[in-house]
Full PDB file with SEQRES, HELIX, SHEET, SSBOND, CRYST1, ORIGX, SCALE, CONECT and MASTER records, all heavy atoms in Angstrom:
SEQRES   1 A   39  LEU ASP ILE ALA ILE PRO ASN GLY LEU MET ASN VAL SER          
SEQRES   2 A   39  ASN GLY GLN PHE LEU GLY GLU LYS ASP LEU GLY ASN GLY          
SEQRES   3 A   39  PHE THR GLU TRP SER TRP LYS THR VAL ASN PRO ILE ASN          
SHEET    1 AA1 3 ASP A   2  PRO A   6  0                                        
SHEET    2 AA1 3 PHE A  27  LYS A  33 -1                                        
SHEET    3 AA1 3 GLN A  16  ASP A  22 -1                                        
CRYST1    1.000    1.000    1.000  90.00  90.00  90.00 P 1           1          
ORIGX1      1.000000  0.000000  0.000000        0.00000                         
ORIGX2      0.000000  1.000000  0.000000        0.00000                         
ORIGX3      0.000000  0.000000  1.000000        0.00000                         
SCALE1      1.000000  0.000000  0.000000        0.00000                         
SCALE2      0.000000  1.000000  0.000000        0.00000                         
SCALE3      0.000000  0.000000  1.000000        0.00000                         
ATOM      1  N   LEU A   1      46.428 -11.777 -15.148  1.00  0.00           N  
ATOM      2  CA  LEU A   1      47.688 -12.359 -14.699  1.00  0.00           C  
ATOM      3  C   LEU A   1      47.741 -12.311 -13.181  1.00  0.00           C  
ATOM      4  O   LEU A   1      47.640 -11.224 -12.589  1.00  0.00           O  
ATOM      5  CB  LEU A   1      48.888 -11.612 -15.273  1.00  0.00           C  
ATOM      6  CG  LEU A   1      49.026 -11.596 -16.798  1.00  0.00           C  
ATOM      7  CD1 LEU A   1      48.530 -10.273 -17.363  1.00  0.00           C  
ATOM      8  CD2 LEU A   1      50.485 -11.819 -17.213  1.00  0.00           C  
ATOM      9  N   ASP A   2      47.858 -13.470 -12.558  1.00  0.00           N  
ATOM     10  CA  ASP A   2      48.081 -13.585 -11.115  1.00  0.00           C  
ATOM     11  C   ASP A   2      49.486 -14.139 -10.937  1.00  0.00           C  
ATOM     12  O   ASP A   2      49.715 -15.344 -11.116  1.00  0.00           O  
ATOM     13  CB  ASP A   2      47.048 -14.520 -10.479  1.00  0.00           C  
ATOM     14  CG  ASP A   2      45.610 -14.045 -10.682  1.00  0.00           C  
ATOM     15  OD1 ASP A   2      45.400 -12.823 -10.739  1.00  0.00           O  
ATOM     16  OD2 ASP A   2      44.715 -14.895 -10.811  1.00  0.00           O  
ATOM     17  N   ILE A   3      50.420 -13.278 -10.594  1.00  0.00           N  
ATOM     18  CA  ILE A   3      51.838 -13.639 -10.599  1.00  0.00           C  
ATOM     19  C   ILE A   3      52.376 -13.633  -9.168  1.00  0.00           C  
ATOM     20  O   ILE A   3      52.412 -12.590  -8.500  1.00  0.00           O  
ATOM     21  CB  ILE A   3      52.654 -12.663 -11.473  1.00  0.00           C  
ATOM     22  CG1 ILE A   3      52.016 -12.523 -12.866  1.00  0.00           C  
ATOM     23  CG2 ILE A   3      54.097 -13.123 -11.555  1.00  0.00           C  
ATOM     24  CD1 ILE A   3      51.953 -13.810 -13.662  1.00  0.00           C  
ATOM     25  N   ALA A   4      52.789 -14.804  -8.705  1.00  0.00           N  
ATOM     26  CA  ALA A   4      53.336 -14.949  -7.348  1.00  0.00           C  
ATOM     27  C   ALA A   4      54.852 -14.822  -7.398  1.00  0.00           C  
ATOM     28  O   ALA A   4      55.523 -15.545  -8.151  1.00  0.00           O  
ATOM     29  CB  ALA A   4      52.937 -16.298  -6.763  1.00  0.00           C  
ATOM     30  N   ILE A   5      55.377 -13.915  -6.599  1.00  0.00           N  
ATOM     31  CA  ILE A   5      56.818 -13.644  -6.577  1.00  0.00           C  
ATOM     32  C   ILE A   5      57.276 -13.486  -5.134  1.00  0.00           C  
ATOM     33  O   ILE A   5      56.456 -13.277  -4.234  1.00  0.00           O  
ATOM     34  CB  ILE A   5      57.159 -12.365  -7.383  1.00  0.00           C  
ATOM     35  CG1 ILE A   5      56.388 -11.164  -6.811  1.00  0.00           C  
ATOM     36  CG2 ILE A   5      56.852 -12.571  -8.854  1.00  0.00           C  
ATOM     37  CD1 ILE A   5      56.736  -9.844  -7.473  1.00  0.00           C  
ATOM     38  N   PRO A   6      58.580 -13.586  -4.870  1.00  0.00           N  
ATOM     39  CA  PRO A   6      59.058 -13.459  -3.491  1.00  0.00           C  
ATOM     40  C   PRO A   6      58.637 -12.140  -2.850  1.00  0.00           C  
ATOM     41  O   PRO A   6      58.603 -11.086  -3.512  1.00  0.00           O  
ATOM     42  CB  PRO A   6      60.575 -13.549  -3.643  1.00  0.00           C  
ATOM     43  CG  PRO A   6      60.781 -14.362  -4.884  1.00  0.00           C  
ATOM     44  CD  PRO A   6      59.669 -13.939  -5.798  1.00  0.00           C  
ATOM     45  N   ASN A   7      58.311 -12.211  -1.573  1.00  0.00           N  
ATOM     46  CA  ASN A   7      57.953 -11.002  -0.827  1.00  0.00           C  
ATOM     47  C   ASN A   7      59.053  -9.944  -0.958  1.00  0.00           C  
ATOM     48  O   ASN A   7      60.246 -10.270  -1.008  1.00  0.00           O  
ATOM     49  CB  ASN A   7      57.741 -11.327   0.659  1.00  0.00           C  
ATOM     50  CG  ASN A   7      56.529 -12.211   0.886  1.00  0.00           C  
ATOM     51  OD1 ASN A   7      55.678 -12.356   0.012  1.00  0.00           O  
ATOM     52  ND2 ASN A   7      56.453 -12.802   2.083  1.00  0.00           N  
ATOM     53  N   GLY A   8      58.633  -8.685  -1.015  1.00  0.00           N  
ATOM     54  CA  GLY A   8      59.585  -7.584  -1.118  1.00  0.00           C  
ATOM     55  C   GLY A   8      59.791  -7.107  -2.538  1.00  0.00           C  
ATOM     56  O   GLY A   8      60.415  -6.069  -2.752  1.00  0.00           O  
ATOM     57  N   LEU A   9      59.273  -7.875  -3.501  1.00  0.00           N  
ATOM     58  CA  LEU A   9      59.339  -7.475  -4.902  1.00  0.00           C  
ATOM     59  C   LEU A   9      57.938  -7.113  -5.391  1.00  0.00           C  
ATOM     60  O   LEU A   9      56.938  -7.417  -4.737  1.00  0.00           O  
ATOM     61  CB  LEU A   9      59.915  -8.602  -5.764  1.00  0.00           C  
ATOM     62  CG  LEU A   9      61.345  -9.034  -5.454  1.00  0.00           C  
ATOM     63  CD1 LEU A   9      61.710 -10.277  -6.268  1.00  0.00           C  
ATOM     64  CD2 LEU A   9      62.337  -7.903  -5.721  1.00  0.00           C  
ATOM     65  N   MET A  10      57.872  -6.465  -6.535  1.00  0.00           N  
ATOM     66  CA  MET A  10      56.605  -6.076  -7.138  1.00  0.00           C  
ATOM     67  C   MET A  10      56.556  -6.603  -8.562  1.00  0.00           C  
ATOM     68  O   MET A  10      57.566  -6.584  -9.270  1.00  0.00           O  
ATOM     69  CB  MET A  10      56.476  -4.546  -7.157  1.00  0.00           C  
ATOM     70  CG  MET A  10      55.200  -4.025  -7.813  1.00  0.00           C  
ATOM     71  SD  MET A  10      55.223  -2.211  -8.046  1.00  0.00           S  
ATOM     72  CE  MET A  10      55.315  -1.642  -6.354  1.00  0.00           C  
ATOM     73  N   ASN A  11      55.410  -7.111  -8.978  1.00  0.00           N  
ATOM     74  CA  ASN A  11      55.211  -7.458 -10.385  1.00  0.00           C  
ATOM     75  C   ASN A  11      54.282  -6.438 -11.031  1.00  0.00           C  
ATOM     76  O   ASN A  11      53.223  -6.108 -10.491  1.00  0.00           O  
ATOM     77  CB  ASN A  11      54.606  -8.844 -10.557  1.00  0.00           C  
ATOM     78  CG  ASN A  11      54.274  -9.105 -12.023  1.00  0.00           C  
ATOM     79  OD1 ASN A  11      55.166  -9.230 -12.846  1.00  0.00           O  
ATOM     80  ND2 ASN A  11      52.991  -9.143 -12.357  1.00  0.00           N  
ATOM     81  N   VAL A  12      54.692  -5.954 -12.197  1.00  0.00           N  
ATOM     82  CA  VAL A  12      53.877  -5.033 -12.987  1.00  0.00           C  
ATOM     83  C   VAL A  12      53.565  -5.710 -14.310  1.00  0.00           C  
ATOM     84  O   VAL A  12      54.476  -6.114 -15.039  1.00  0.00           O  
ATOM     85  CB  VAL A  12      54.604  -3.694 -13.225  1.00  0.00           C  
ATOM     86  CG1 VAL A  12      53.709  -2.751 -14.022  1.00  0.00           C  
ATOM     87  CG2 VAL A  12      55.006  -3.057 -11.896  1.00  0.00           C  
ATOM     88  N   SER A  13      52.287  -5.840 -14.612  1.00  0.00           N  
ATOM     89  CA  SER A  13      51.853  -6.456 -15.863  1.00  0.00           C  
ATOM     90  C   SER A  13      50.917  -5.511 -16.605  1.00  0.00           C  
ATOM     91  O   SER A  13      50.761  -4.350 -16.237  1.00  0.00           O  
ATOM     92  CB  SER A  13      51.178  -7.806 -15.590  1.00  0.00           C  
ATOM     93  OG  SER A  13      52.119  -8.762 -15.133  1.00  0.00           O  
ATOM     94  N   ASN A  14      50.274  -6.024 -17.625  1.00  0.00           N  
ATOM     95  CA  ASN A  14      49.420  -5.214 -18.483  1.00  0.00           C  
ATOM     96  C   ASN A  14      48.103  -4.886 -17.788  1.00  0.00           C  
ATOM     97  O   ASN A  14      47.619  -5.628 -16.944  1.00  0.00           O  
ATOM     98  CB  ASN A  14      49.120  -5.969 -19.777  1.00  0.00           C  
ATOM     99  CG  ASN A  14      50.344  -6.646 -20.358  1.00  0.00           C  
ATOM    100  OD1 ASN A  14      50.675  -7.757 -19.963  1.00  0.00           O  
ATOM    101  ND2 ASN A  14      51.017  -5.983 -21.283  1.00  0.00           N  
ATOM    102  N   GLY A  15      47.506  -3.771 -18.194  1.00  0.00           N  
ATOM    103  CA  GLY A  15      46.175  -3.420 -17.738  1.00  0.00           C  
ATOM    104  C   GLY A  15      46.156  -2.751 -16.381  1.00  0.00           C  
ATOM    105  O   GLY A  15      47.116  -2.111 -15.954  1.00  0.00           O  
ATOM    106  N   GLN A  16      45.021  -2.925 -15.695  1.00  0.00           N  
ATOM    107  CA  GLN A  16      44.821  -2.283 -14.405  1.00  0.00           C  
ATOM    108  C   GLN A  16      45.180  -3.227 -13.265  1.00  0.00           C  
ATOM    109  O   GLN A  16      44.992  -4.438 -13.355  1.00  0.00           O  
ATOM    110  CB  GLN A  16      43.360  -1.833 -14.266  1.00  0.00           C  
ATOM    111  CG  GLN A  16      42.946  -0.750 -15.258  1.00  0.00           C  
ATOM    112  CD  GLN A  16      43.542   0.610 -14.942  1.00  0.00           C  
ATOM    113  OE1 GLN A  16      44.216   0.797 -13.927  1.00  0.00           O  
ATOM    114  NE2 GLN A  16      43.310   1.575 -15.820  1.00  0.00           N  
ATOM    115  N   PHE A  17      45.691  -2.654 -12.195  1.00  0.00           N  
ATOM    116  CA  PHE A  17      46.098  -3.410 -11.016  1.00  0.00           C  
ATOM    117  C   PHE A  17      44.861  -3.836 -10.226  1.00  0.00           C  
ATOM    118  O   PHE A  17      44.016  -3.010  -9.867  1.00  0.00           O  
ATOM    119  CB  PHE A  17      47.020  -2.547 -10.149  1.00  0.00           C  
ATOM    120  CG  PHE A  17      47.535  -3.218  -8.918  1.00  0.00           C  
ATOM    121  CD1 PHE A  17      48.117  -4.472  -8.980  1.00  0.00           C  
ATOM    122  CD2 PHE A  17      47.447  -2.581  -7.685  1.00  0.00           C  
ATOM    123  CE1 PHE A  17      48.614  -5.090  -7.846  1.00  0.00           C  
ATOM    124  CE2 PHE A  17      47.942  -3.182  -6.541  1.00  0.00           C  
ATOM    125  CZ  PHE A  17      48.519  -4.439  -6.625  1.00  0.00           C  
ATOM    126  N   LEU A  18      44.729  -5.136  -9.947  1.00  0.00           N  
ATOM    127  CA  LEU A  18      43.595  -5.662  -9.192  1.00  0.00           C  
ATOM    128  C   LEU A  18      43.891  -5.781  -7.709  1.00  0.00           C  
ATOM    129  O   LEU A  18      42.972  -5.788  -6.882  1.00  0.00           O  
ATOM    130  CB  LEU A  18      43.196  -7.039  -9.740  1.00  0.00           C  
ATOM    131  CG  LEU A  18      42.749  -7.108 -11.205  1.00  0.00           C  
ATOM    132  CD1 LEU A  18      42.373  -8.541 -11.571  1.00  0.00           C  
ATOM    133  CD2 LEU A  18      41.599  -6.155 -11.468  1.00  0.00           C  
ATOM    134  N   GLY A  19      45.178  -5.930  -7.367  1.00  0.00           N  
ATOM    135  CA  GLY A  19      45.536  -6.035  -5.956  1.00  0.00           C  
ATOM    136  C   GLY A  19      46.649  -7.022  -5.718  1.00  0.00           C  
ATOM    137  O   GLY A  19      47.086  -7.734  -6.626  1.00  0.00           O  
ATOM    138  N   GLU A  20      47.129  -7.066  -4.481  1.00  0.00           N  
ATOM    139  CA  GLU A  20      48.181  -7.991  -4.082  1.00  0.00           C  
ATOM    140  C   GLU A  20      47.704  -8.820  -2.901  1.00  0.00           C  
ATOM    141  O   GLU A  20      46.876  -8.377  -2.097  1.00  0.00           O  
ATOM    142  CB  GLU A  20      49.460  -7.238  -3.710  1.00  0.00           C  
ATOM    143  CG  GLU A  20      49.281  -6.256  -2.560  1.00  0.00           C  
ATOM    144  CD  GLU A  20      50.541  -5.480  -2.255  1.00  0.00           C  
ATOM    145  OE1 GLU A  20      51.468  -6.076  -1.660  1.00  0.00           O  
ATOM    146  OE2 GLU A  20      50.593  -4.287  -2.595  1.00  0.00           O  
ATOM    147  N   LYS A  21      48.226 -10.045  -2.805  1.00  0.00           N  
ATOM    148  CA  LYS A  21      47.794 -10.960  -1.756  1.00  0.00           C  
ATOM    149  C   LYS A  21      48.998 -11.725  -1.235  1.00  0.00           C  
ATOM    150  O   LYS A  21      49.686 -12.416  -1.991  1.00  0.00           O  
ATOM    151  CB  LYS A  21      46.746 -11.928  -2.312  1.00  0.00           C  
ATOM    152  CG  LYS A  21      46.258 -12.969  -1.321  1.00  0.00           C  
ATOM    153  CD  LYS A  21      45.266 -13.927  -1.996  1.00  0.00           C  
ATOM    154  CE  LYS A  21      44.794 -15.006  -1.045  1.00  0.00           C  
ATOM    155  NZ  LYS A  21      43.867 -15.960  -1.730  1.00  0.00           N  
ATOM    156  N   ASP A  22      49.254 -11.597   0.060  1.00  0.00           N  
ATOM    157  CA  ASP A  22      50.327 -12.355   0.695  1.00  0.00           C  
ATOM    158  C   ASP A  22      49.874 -13.809   0.819  1.00  0.00           C  
ATOM    159  O   ASP A  22      48.866 -14.108   1.467  1.00  0.00           O  
ATOM    160  CB  ASP A  22      50.645 -11.773   2.078  1.00  0.00           C  
ATOM    161  CG  ASP A  22      51.917 -12.361   2.680  1.00  0.00           C  
ATOM    162  OD1 ASP A  22      52.262 -13.517   2.348  1.00  0.00           O  
ATOM    163  OD2 ASP A  22      52.549 -11.673   3.490  1.00  0.00           O  
ATOM    164  N   LEU A  23      50.617 -14.719   0.200  1.00  0.00           N  
ATOM    165  CA  LEU A  23      50.227 -16.129   0.182  1.00  0.00           C  
ATOM    166  C   LEU A  23      50.665 -16.885   1.432  1.00  0.00           C  
ATOM    167  O   LEU A  23      50.338 -18.060   1.602  1.00  0.00           O  
ATOM    168  CB  LEU A  23      50.792 -16.802  -1.070  1.00  0.00           C  
ATOM    169  CG  LEU A  23      50.329 -16.201  -2.413  1.00  0.00           C  
ATOM    170  CD1 LEU A  23      50.991 -16.933  -3.576  1.00  0.00           C  
ATOM    171  CD2 LEU A  23      48.813 -16.230  -2.544  1.00  0.00           C  
ATOM    172  N   GLY A  24      51.424 -16.217   2.285  1.00  0.00           N  
ATOM    173  CA  GLY A  24      51.827 -16.842   3.543  1.00  0.00           C  
ATOM    174  C   GLY A  24      52.953 -17.843   3.422  1.00  0.00           C  
ATOM    175  O   GLY A  24      53.276 -18.539   4.388  1.00  0.00           O  
ATOM    176  N   ASN A  25      53.582 -17.926   2.275  1.00  0.00           N  
ATOM    177  CA  ASN A  25      54.669 -18.880   2.059  1.00  0.00           C  
ATOM    178  C   ASN A  25      55.936 -18.206   1.552  1.00  0.00           C  
ATOM    179  O   ASN A  25      56.774 -18.833   0.904  1.00  0.00           O  
ATOM    180  CB  ASN A  25      54.217 -19.961   1.074  1.00  0.00           C  
ATOM    181  CG  ASN A  25      53.811 -19.381  -0.284  1.00  0.00           C  
ATOM    182  OD1 ASN A  25      53.791 -18.154  -0.454  1.00  0.00           O  
ATOM    183  ND2 ASN A  25      53.478 -20.233  -1.230  1.00  0.00           N  
ATOM    184  N   GLY A  26      56.039 -16.900   1.836  1.00  0.00           N  
ATOM    185  CA  GLY A  26      57.185 -16.136   1.350  1.00  0.00           C  
ATOM    186  C   GLY A  26      56.950 -15.523  -0.026  1.00  0.00           C  
ATOM    187  O   GLY A  26      57.847 -14.864  -0.555  1.00  0.00           O  
ATOM    188  N   PHE A  27      55.758 -15.741  -0.557  1.00  0.00           N  
ATOM    189  CA  PHE A  27      55.426 -15.197  -1.871  1.00  0.00           C  
ATOM    190  C   PHE A  27      54.181 -14.316  -1.775  1.00  0.00           C  
ATOM    191  O   PHE A  27      53.290 -14.559  -0.962  1.00  0.00           O  
ATOM    192  CB  PHE A  27      55.173 -16.318  -2.881  1.00  0.00           C  
ATOM    193  CG  PHE A  27      56.435 -16.978  -3.385  1.00  0.00           C  
ATOM    194  CD1 PHE A  27      57.145 -17.856  -2.570  1.00  0.00           C  
ATOM    195  CD2 PHE A  27      56.909 -16.711  -4.654  1.00  0.00           C  
ATOM    196  CE1 PHE A  27      58.308 -18.466  -3.022  1.00  0.00           C  
ATOM    197  CE2 PHE A  27      58.070 -17.312  -5.124  1.00  0.00           C  
ATOM    198  CZ  PHE A  27      58.775 -18.188  -4.309  1.00  0.00           C  
ATOM    199  N   THR A  28      54.150 -13.286  -2.633  1.00  0.00           N  
ATOM    200  CA  THR A  28      52.984 -12.409  -2.770  1.00  0.00           C  
ATOM    201  C   THR A  28      52.483 -12.479  -4.205  1.00  0.00           C  
ATOM    202  O   THR A  28      53.278 -12.457  -5.145  1.00  0.00           O  
ATOM    203  CB  THR A  28      53.341 -10.951  -2.422  1.00  0.00           C  
ATOM    204  OG1 THR A  28      53.765 -10.898  -1.056  1.00  0.00           O  
ATOM    205  CG2 THR A  28      52.148 -10.026  -2.617  1.00  0.00           C  
ATOM    206  N   GLU A  29      51.156 -12.587  -4.347  1.00  0.00           N  
ATOM    207  CA  GLU A  29      50.550 -12.666  -5.681  1.00  0.00           C  
ATOM    208  C   GLU A  29      50.079 -11.273  -6.100  1.00  0.00           C  
ATOM    209  O   GLU A  29      49.323 -10.617  -5.391  1.00  0.00           O  
ATOM    210  CB  GLU A  29      49.371 -13.634  -5.661  1.00  0.00           C  
ATOM    211  CG  GLU A  29      48.733 -13.856  -7.029  1.00  0.00           C  
ATOM    212  CD  GLU A  29      47.636 -14.891  -6.966  1.00  0.00           C  
ATOM    213  OE1 GLU A  29      46.517 -14.551  -6.513  1.00  0.00           O  
ATOM    214  OE2 GLU A  29      47.895 -16.063  -7.339  1.00  0.00           O  
ATOM    215  N   TRP A  30      50.558 -10.860  -7.276  1.00  0.00           N  
ATOM    216  CA  TRP A  30      50.194  -9.557  -7.849  1.00  0.00           C  
ATOM    217  C   TRP A  30      49.283  -9.808  -9.044  1.00  0.00           C  
ATOM    218  O   TRP A  30      49.643 -10.553  -9.956  1.00  0.00           O  
ATOM    219  CB  TRP A  30      51.446  -8.799  -8.278  1.00  0.00           C  
ATOM    220  CG  TRP A  30      52.366  -8.484  -7.128  1.00  0.00           C  
ATOM    221  CD1 TRP A  30      53.229  -9.340  -6.501  1.00  0.00           C  
ATOM    222  CD2 TRP A  30      52.481  -7.229  -6.460  1.00  0.00           C  
ATOM    223  NE1 TRP A  30      53.886  -8.705  -5.486  1.00  0.00           N  
ATOM    224  CE2 TRP A  30      53.454  -7.394  -5.431  1.00  0.00           C  
ATOM    225  CE3 TRP A  30      51.888  -5.984  -6.626  1.00  0.00           C  
ATOM    226  CZ2 TRP A  30      53.823  -6.354  -4.586  1.00  0.00           C  
ATOM    227  CZ3 TRP A  30      52.254  -4.946  -5.783  1.00  0.00           C  
ATOM    228  CH2 TRP A  30      53.216  -5.126  -4.764  1.00  0.00           C  
ATOM    229  N   SER A  31      48.105  -9.177  -9.048  1.00  0.00           N  
ATOM    230  CA  SER A  31      47.099  -9.460 -10.066  1.00  0.00           C  
ATOM    231  C   SER A  31      46.821  -8.222 -10.928  1.00  0.00           C  
ATOM    232  O   SER A  31      46.645  -7.109 -10.414  1.00  0.00           O  
ATOM    233  CB  SER A  31      45.797  -9.929  -9.418  1.00  0.00           C  
ATOM    234  OG  SER A  31      45.992 -11.150  -8.731  1.00  0.00           O  
ATOM    235  N   TRP A  32      46.772  -8.464 -12.226  1.00  0.00           N  
ATOM    236  CA  TRP A  32      46.523  -7.419 -13.216  1.00  0.00           C  
ATOM    237  C   TRP A  32      45.543  -7.948 -14.254  1.00  0.00           C  
ATOM    238  O   TRP A  32      45.473  -9.152 -14.493  1.00  0.00           O  
ATOM    239  CB  TRP A  32      47.823  -7.010 -13.922  1.00  0.00           C  
ATOM    240  CG  TRP A  32      48.850  -6.421 -13.013  1.00  0.00           C  
ATOM    241  CD1 TRP A  32      49.693  -7.091 -12.173  1.00  0.00           C  
ATOM    242  CD2 TRP A  32      49.129  -5.031 -12.834  1.00  0.00           C  
ATOM    243  NE1 TRP A  32      50.490  -6.219 -11.485  1.00  0.00           N  
ATOM    244  CE2 TRP A  32      50.173  -4.941 -11.874  1.00  0.00           C  
ATOM    245  CE3 TRP A  32      48.618  -3.863 -13.397  1.00  0.00           C  
ATOM    246  CZ2 TRP A  32      50.699  -3.713 -11.479  1.00  0.00           C  
ATOM    247  CZ3 TRP A  32      49.143  -2.639 -12.997  1.00  0.00           C  
ATOM    248  CH2 TRP A  32      50.171  -2.567 -12.046  1.00  0.00           C  
ATOM    249  N   LYS A  33      44.806  -7.031 -14.890  1.00  0.00           N  
ATOM    250  CA  LYS A  33      43.840  -7.465 -15.890  1.00  0.00           C  
ATOM    251  C   LYS A  33      43.683  -6.419 -16.989  1.00  0.00           C  
ATOM    252  O   LYS A  33      43.577  -5.228 -16.720  1.00  0.00           O  
ATOM    253  CB  LYS A  33      42.475  -7.714 -15.237  1.00  0.00           C  
ATOM    254  CG  LYS A  33      41.416  -8.257 -16.196  1.00  0.00           C  
ATOM    255  CD  LYS A  33      40.106  -8.531 -15.469  1.00  0.00           C  
ATOM    256  CE  LYS A  33      39.067  -9.088 -16.434  1.00  0.00           C  
ATOM    257  NZ  LYS A  33      37.774  -9.368 -15.741  1.00  0.00           N  
ATOM    258  N   THR A  34      43.675  -6.919 -18.237  1.00  0.00           N  
ATOM    259  CA  THR A  34      43.361  -6.062 -19.385  1.00  0.00           C  
ATOM    260  C   THR A  34      41.918  -6.320 -19.811  1.00  0.00           C  
ATOM    261  O   THR A  34      41.390  -7.426 -19.633  1.00  0.00           O  
ATOM    262  CB  THR A  34      44.273  -6.359 -20.584  1.00  0.00           C  
ATOM    263  OG1 THR A  34      43.963  -7.667 -21.102  1.00  0.00           O  
ATOM    264  CG2 THR A  34      45.741  -6.311 -20.201  1.00  0.00           C  
ATOM    265  N   VAL A  35      41.307  -5.298 -20.401  1.00  0.00           N  
ATOM    266  CA  VAL A  35      39.945  -5.459 -20.918  1.00  0.00           C  
ATOM    267  C   VAL A  35      39.881  -5.147 -22.410  1.00  0.00           C  
ATOM    268  O   VAL A  35      38.803  -4.999 -22.964  1.00  0.00           O  
ATOM    269  CB  VAL A  35      38.938  -4.582 -20.140  1.00  0.00           C  
ATOM    270  CG1 VAL A  35      38.843  -5.035 -18.697  1.00  0.00           C  
ATOM    271  CG2 VAL A  35      39.309  -3.107 -20.234  1.00  0.00           C  
ATOM    272  N   ASN A  36      41.047  -5.046 -23.027  1.00  0.00           N  
ATOM    273  CA  ASN A  36      41.140  -4.819 -24.468  1.00  0.00           C  
ATOM    274  C   ASN A  36      41.897  -5.977 -25.119  1.00  0.00           C  
ATOM    275  O   ASN A  36      42.718  -6.632 -24.468  1.00  0.00           O  
ATOM    276  CB  ASN A  36      41.880  -3.506 -24.759  1.00  0.00           C  
ATOM    277  CG  ASN A  36      41.024  -2.291 -24.475  1.00  0.00           C  
ATOM    278  OD1 ASN A  36      40.040  -2.031 -25.159  1.00  0.00           O  
ATOM    279  ND2 ASN A  36      41.393  -1.527 -23.443  1.00  0.00           N  
ATOM    280  N   PRO A  37      41.644  -6.230 -26.413  1.00  0.00           N  
ATOM    281  CA  PRO A  37      42.416  -7.263 -27.113  1.00  0.00           C  
ATOM    282  C   PRO A  37      43.907  -6.969 -27.021  1.00  0.00           C  
ATOM    283  O   PRO A  37      44.330  -5.806 -27.055  1.00  0.00           O  
ATOM    284  CB  PRO A  37      41.909  -7.157 -28.560  1.00  0.00           C  
ATOM    285  CG  PRO A  37      40.598  -6.466 -28.476  1.00  0.00           C  
ATOM    286  CD  PRO A  37      40.686  -5.550 -27.295  1.00  0.00           C  
ATOM    287  N   ILE A  38      44.722  -8.027 -26.951  1.00  0.00           N  
ATOM    288  CA  ILE A  38      46.165  -7.840 -26.744  1.00  0.00           C  
ATOM    289  C   ILE A  38      46.937  -8.937 -27.477  1.00  0.00           C  
ATOM    290  O   ILE A  38      46.558 -10.108 -27.451  1.00  0.00           O  
ATOM    291  CB  ILE A  38      46.501  -7.817 -25.234  1.00  0.00           C  
ATOM    292  CG1 ILE A  38      47.993  -7.549 -24.990  1.00  0.00           C  
ATOM    293  CG2 ILE A  38      46.035  -9.089 -24.542  1.00  0.00           C  
ATOM    294  CD1 ILE A  38      48.323  -7.285 -23.522  1.00  0.00           C  
ATOM    295  N   ASN A  39      48.027  -8.544 -28.123  1.00  0.00           N  
ATOM    296  CA  ASN A  39      48.912  -9.509 -28.787  1.00  0.00           C  
ATOM    297  C   ASN A  39      49.522 -10.447 -27.749  1.00  0.00           C  
ATOM    298  O   ASN A  39      49.840 -10.037 -26.634  1.00  0.00           O  
ATOM    299  CB  ASN A  39      50.071  -8.797 -29.502  1.00  0.00           C  
ATOM    300  CG  ASN A  39      49.616  -7.900 -30.627  1.00  0.00           C  
ATOM    301  OD1 ASN A  39      48.539  -8.089 -31.184  1.00  0.00           O  
ATOM    302  ND2 ASN A  39      50.424  -6.918 -30.953  1.00  0.00           N  
TER     303      ASN A  39                                                      
MASTER        0    0    0    0    3    0    0    6  302    1    0    3          
END                                                                             
């Protein structure tokens, strides 16, 4: 999951945190990844 949200907020998703990236447009992308099967 690569989820772009307004700067100043945090997105938490499933699995391990891969990192955050400032997109330069007022949004930051938060990336997460699971390595197990998931509903």
